[in-house]
């Protein structure tokens, strides 16, 4: 069993993440930087890392996820994108 963690938007991701996942997290942060000003409403945004069957799932406070499928493919989803699909459909 692996324990997850949280880290601040823009801070260094955990060392347990592979370079490809870190690259995807950084891409999300780069694209969202304008939407999340540093002093927005005084409430910082965080990433939450959990592990599903040994694969990382990184979720931003707005519901954006960086996930690694069983085949090793990295996907970035936004909240609402997969609402109509089965919750486990991304694992195939």
N, C-alpha and C. Protein backbone atom coordinates (compact mmCIF):
# COMPACT_ATOMS: atom_id res chain seq x y z
N UNK A 1 0.83 -1.16 0.00
CA UNK A 1 0.00 0.00 0.00
C UNK A 1 0.89 1.24 0.00
N UNK A 2 0.51 2.21 -0.82
CA UNK A 2 1.26 3.46 -0.89
C UNK A 2 0.37 4.59 -0.38
N UNK A 3 0.94 5.45 0.40
CA UNK A 3 0.19 6.58 0.92
C UNK A 3 0.28 7.75 -0.04
N UNK A 4 -0.79 8.48 -0.15
CA UNK A 4 -0.82 9.67 -0.98
C UNK A 4 -0.34 10.88 -0.21
N UNK A 5 -0.45 12.02 -0.84
CA UNK A 5 -0.02 13.27 -0.21
C UNK A 5 -0.69 14.44 -0.92
N UNK A 6 -0.49 15.61 -0.39
CA UNK A 6 -0.98 16.83 -1.04
C UNK A 6 0.20 17.78 -1.18
N UNK A 7 0.17 18.59 -2.23
CA UNK A 7 1.18 19.62 -2.39
C UNK A 7 0.55 20.84 -3.05
N UNK A 8 1.13 21.97 -2.79
CA UNK A 8 0.63 23.25 -3.25
C UNK A 8 0.80 23.40 -4.76
N UNK A 9 -0.21 23.93 -5.42
CA UNK A 9 -0.15 24.24 -6.85
C UNK A 9 1.12 25.06 -7.10
N UNK A 10 1.95 24.62 -8.03
CA UNK A 10 3.18 25.32 -8.38
C UNK A 10 4.40 24.88 -7.61
N UNK A 11 4.21 24.12 -6.53
CA UNK A 11 5.34 23.61 -5.75
C UNK A 11 5.86 22.33 -6.39
N UNK A 12 6.97 21.84 -5.90
CA UNK A 12 7.55 20.61 -6.43
C UNK A 12 6.67 19.41 -6.10
N UNK A 13 6.34 18.62 -7.13
CA UNK A 13 5.56 17.39 -6.88
C UNK A 13 6.39 16.37 -6.09
N UNK A 14 5.75 15.39 -5.50
CA UNK A 14 6.47 14.36 -4.74
C UNK A 14 7.48 13.62 -5.61
N UNK A 15 8.58 13.21 -4.99
CA UNK A 15 9.63 12.47 -5.70
C UNK A 15 9.15 11.11 -6.19
N UNK A 16 8.06 10.61 -5.64
CA UNK A 16 7.56 9.28 -6.02
C UNK A 16 6.91 9.27 -7.41
N UNK A 17 6.67 10.45 -7.98
CA UNK A 17 6.06 10.53 -9.32
C UNK A 17 7.13 10.42 -10.40
N UNK A 18 6.80 9.72 -11.46
CA UNK A 18 7.70 9.62 -12.59
C UNK A 18 7.79 10.94 -13.35
N UNK A 19 8.85 11.09 -14.12
CA UNK A 19 9.08 12.33 -14.87
C UNK A 19 7.93 12.64 -15.83
N UNK A 20 7.33 11.61 -16.42
CA UNK A 20 6.23 11.84 -17.36
C UNK A 20 4.98 12.38 -16.66
N UNK A 21 4.72 11.92 -15.44
CA UNK A 21 3.58 12.42 -14.68
C UNK A 21 3.86 13.86 -14.23
N UNK A 22 5.07 14.12 -13.77
CA UNK A 22 5.45 15.48 -13.36
C UNK A 22 5.30 16.43 -14.54
N UNK A 23 5.70 16.00 -15.72
CA UNK A 23 5.57 16.82 -16.93
C UNK A 23 4.10 17.15 -17.20
N UNK A 24 3.22 16.18 -17.03
CA UNK A 24 1.78 16.41 -17.24
C UNK A 24 1.21 17.36 -16.19
N UNK A 25 1.64 17.21 -14.94
CA UNK A 25 1.20 18.12 -13.87
C UNK A 25 1.65 19.54 -14.19
N UNK A 26 2.88 19.69 -14.61
CA UNK A 26 3.42 21.02 -14.97
C UNK A 26 2.66 21.61 -16.15
N UNK A 27 2.27 20.79 -17.10
CA UNK A 27 1.50 21.28 -18.26
C UNK A 27 0.15 21.82 -17.80
N UNK A 28 -0.50 21.11 -16.87
CA UNK A 28 -1.77 21.59 -16.33
C UNK A 28 -1.56 22.91 -15.61
N UNK A 29 -0.53 22.98 -14.78
CA UNK A 29 -0.26 24.21 -14.04
C UNK A 29 0.01 25.38 -14.98
N UNK A 30 0.77 25.13 -16.02
CA UNK A 30 1.06 26.18 -17.00
C UNK A 30 -0.22 26.68 -17.66
N UNK A 31 -1.10 25.77 -18.03
CA UNK A 31 -2.34 26.17 -18.71
C UNK A 31 -3.33 26.84 -17.75
N UNK A 32 -3.23 26.53 -16.47
CA UNK A 32 -4.18 27.07 -15.48
C UNK A 32 -3.65 28.29 -14.75
N UNK A 33 -2.39 28.64 -14.94
CA UNK A 33 -1.76 29.72 -14.18
C UNK A 33 -2.58 31.01 -14.20
N UNK A 34 -3.12 31.39 -15.36
CA UNK A 34 -3.90 32.63 -15.47
C UNK A 34 -5.22 32.54 -14.70
N UNK A 35 -5.75 31.34 -14.56
CA UNK A 35 -7.03 31.16 -13.87
C UNK A 35 -6.88 31.13 -12.35
N UNK A 36 -5.66 30.89 -11.89
CA UNK A 36 -5.43 30.74 -10.46
C UNK A 36 -4.36 31.74 -10.03
N UNK A 37 -4.72 33.00 -9.92
CA UNK A 37 -3.74 34.00 -9.49
C UNK A 37 -3.21 33.65 -8.10
N UNK A 38 -1.98 34.01 -7.83
CA UNK A 38 -1.35 33.67 -6.55
C UNK A 38 -2.15 34.12 -5.34
N UNK A 39 -2.79 35.27 -5.45
CA UNK A 39 -3.52 35.78 -4.29
C UNK A 39 -5.03 35.79 -4.52
N UNK A 40 -5.50 34.90 -5.35
CA UNK A 40 -6.91 34.85 -5.76
C UNK A 40 -7.86 35.30 -4.67
N UNK A 41 -8.22 34.44 -3.79
CA UNK A 41 -9.11 34.80 -2.69
C UNK A 41 -8.48 34.40 -1.36
N UNK A 42 -7.16 34.27 -1.39
CA UNK A 42 -6.44 33.90 -0.19
C UNK A 42 -6.43 32.42 0.10
N UNK A 43 -7.12 31.65 -0.74
CA UNK A 43 -7.18 30.20 -0.54
C UNK A 43 -6.30 29.53 -1.59
N UNK A 44 -5.21 28.91 -1.18
CA UNK A 44 -4.33 28.26 -2.16
C UNK A 44 -4.96 26.98 -2.73
N UNK A 45 -4.56 26.64 -3.95
CA UNK A 45 -4.99 25.39 -4.57
C UNK A 45 -3.95 24.32 -4.31
N UNK A 46 -4.44 23.08 -4.18
CA UNK A 46 -3.56 21.95 -3.92
C UNK A 46 -3.82 20.83 -4.91
N UNK A 47 -2.79 20.02 -5.08
CA UNK A 47 -2.89 18.74 -5.76
C UNK A 47 -3.03 17.68 -4.68
N UNK A 48 -3.77 16.62 -4.99
CA UNK A 48 -3.87 15.47 -4.11
C UNK A 48 -3.41 14.25 -4.89
N UNK A 49 -2.44 13.55 -4.35
CA UNK A 49 -1.92 12.33 -4.98
C UNK A 49 -2.48 11.13 -4.24
N UNK A 50 -3.11 10.24 -5.00
CA UNK A 50 -3.54 8.95 -4.47
C UNK A 50 -2.97 7.88 -5.40
N UNK A 51 -3.01 6.67 -4.94
CA UNK A 51 -2.49 5.55 -5.73
C UNK A 51 -3.62 4.57 -5.97
N UNK A 52 -3.82 4.18 -7.21
CA UNK A 52 -4.83 3.21 -7.58
C UNK A 52 -4.14 2.05 -8.28
N UNK A 53 -4.14 0.92 -7.64
CA UNK A 53 -3.48 -0.27 -8.17
C UNK A 53 -2.03 0.03 -8.57
N UNK A 54 -1.35 0.81 -7.72
CA UNK A 54 0.06 1.12 -7.94
C UNK A 54 0.32 2.24 -8.92
N UNK A 55 -0.74 2.84 -9.45
CA UNK A 55 -0.56 3.93 -10.41
C UNK A 55 -1.00 5.25 -9.79
N UNK A 56 -0.27 6.34 -10.07
CA UNK A 56 -0.62 7.62 -9.47
C UNK A 56 -1.84 8.26 -10.10
N UNK A 57 -2.63 8.91 -9.26
CA UNK A 57 -3.76 9.74 -9.69
C UNK A 57 -3.55 11.08 -8.99
N UNK A 58 -3.33 12.14 -9.77
CA UNK A 58 -3.11 13.47 -9.21
C UNK A 58 -4.34 14.31 -9.54
N UNK A 59 -4.96 14.86 -8.50
CA UNK A 59 -6.17 15.64 -8.72
C UNK A 59 -6.00 17.04 -8.13
N UNK A 60 -6.25 18.04 -8.97
CA UNK A 60 -6.22 19.43 -8.56
C UNK A 60 -7.54 19.76 -7.87
N UNK A 61 -7.55 20.76 -7.03
CA UNK A 61 -8.76 21.11 -6.28
C UNK A 61 -9.97 21.38 -7.15
N UNK A 62 -9.78 21.77 -8.41
CA UNK A 62 -10.93 22.04 -9.30
C UNK A 62 -11.45 20.78 -9.98
N UNK A 63 -10.85 19.62 -9.70
CA UNK A 63 -11.30 18.37 -10.29
C UNK A 63 -10.49 17.91 -11.48
N UNK A 64 -9.54 18.71 -11.95
CA UNK A 64 -8.66 18.29 -13.03
C UNK A 64 -7.80 17.15 -12.53
N UNK A 65 -7.70 16.09 -13.34
CA UNK A 65 -6.93 14.91 -12.94
C UNK A 65 -5.86 14.56 -13.96
N UNK A 66 -4.72 14.14 -13.45
CA UNK A 66 -3.66 13.53 -14.25
C UNK A 66 -3.63 12.08 -13.79
N UNK A 67 -3.95 11.17 -14.72
CA UNK A 67 -4.07 9.77 -14.35
C UNK A 67 -3.22 8.90 -15.28
N UNK A 68 -2.78 7.80 -14.75
CA UNK A 68 -2.00 6.83 -15.53
C UNK A 68 -2.85 5.58 -15.66
N UNK A 69 -3.13 5.19 -16.91
CA UNK A 69 -3.96 4.00 -17.15
C UNK A 69 -3.15 2.73 -16.93
N UNK A 70 -3.81 1.60 -16.98
CA UNK A 70 -3.15 0.31 -16.83
C UNK A 70 -2.11 0.07 -17.92
N UNK A 71 -2.28 0.71 -19.07
CA UNK A 71 -1.32 0.55 -20.17
C UNK A 71 -0.17 1.54 -20.08
N UNK A 72 -0.22 2.44 -19.08
CA UNK A 72 0.85 3.42 -18.90
C UNK A 72 0.59 4.75 -19.59
N UNK A 73 -0.55 4.86 -20.25
CA UNK A 73 -0.90 6.10 -20.92
C UNK A 73 -1.30 7.14 -19.89
N UNK A 74 -0.83 8.37 -20.07
CA UNK A 74 -1.18 9.45 -19.17
C UNK A 74 -2.31 10.25 -19.80
N UNK A 75 -3.35 10.51 -19.00
CA UNK A 75 -4.48 11.30 -19.48
C UNK A 75 -4.73 12.45 -18.52
N UNK A 76 -5.17 13.57 -19.08
CA UNK A 76 -5.56 14.72 -18.28
C UNK A 76 -7.05 14.92 -18.51
N UNK A 77 -7.82 14.89 -17.44
CA UNK A 77 -9.26 15.08 -17.55
C UNK A 77 -9.68 16.25 -16.68
N UNK A 78 -10.73 16.92 -17.10
CA UNK A 78 -11.30 18.01 -16.31
C UNK A 78 -12.56 17.53 -15.64
N UNK A 79 -12.92 18.17 -14.55
CA UNK A 79 -14.17 17.79 -13.91
C UNK A 79 -15.30 18.03 -14.89
N UNK A 80 -16.19 17.07 -14.98
CA UNK A 80 -17.30 17.17 -15.92
C UNK A 80 -17.05 16.46 -17.23
N UNK A 81 -15.79 16.27 -17.62
CA UNK A 81 -15.47 15.61 -18.89
C UNK A 81 -15.93 14.17 -18.91
N UNK A 82 -15.78 13.49 -17.77
CA UNK A 82 -16.10 12.07 -17.75
C UNK A 82 -17.33 11.78 -16.91
N UNK A 83 -18.17 12.80 -16.65
CA UNK A 83 -19.36 12.60 -15.83
C UNK A 83 -20.32 11.59 -16.43
N UNK A 84 -20.39 11.50 -17.76
CA UNK A 84 -21.35 10.61 -18.40
C UNK A 84 -20.82 9.20 -18.55
N UNK A 85 -19.50 9.02 -18.31
CA UNK A 85 -18.90 7.70 -18.46
C UNK A 85 -18.89 6.98 -17.13
N UNK A 86 -18.69 5.68 -17.19
CA UNK A 86 -18.50 4.90 -16.00
C UNK A 86 -17.21 5.37 -15.31
N UNK A 87 -17.23 5.50 -14.00
CA UNK A 87 -16.08 6.02 -13.27
C UNK A 87 -14.81 5.23 -13.50
N UNK A 88 -14.91 3.94 -13.83
CA UNK A 88 -13.74 3.11 -14.02
C UNK A 88 -13.33 2.97 -15.48
N UNK A 89 -13.97 3.69 -16.38
CA UNK A 89 -13.70 3.52 -17.79
C UNK A 89 -12.29 3.91 -18.19
N UNK A 90 -11.67 4.83 -17.46
CA UNK A 90 -10.32 5.27 -17.81
C UNK A 90 -9.27 4.22 -17.50
N UNK A 91 -9.62 3.22 -16.69
CA UNK A 91 -8.64 2.21 -16.29
C UNK A 91 -8.36 1.18 -17.37
N UNK A 92 -9.16 1.11 -18.38
CA UNK A 92 -8.97 0.05 -19.37
C UNK A 92 -7.88 0.38 -20.35
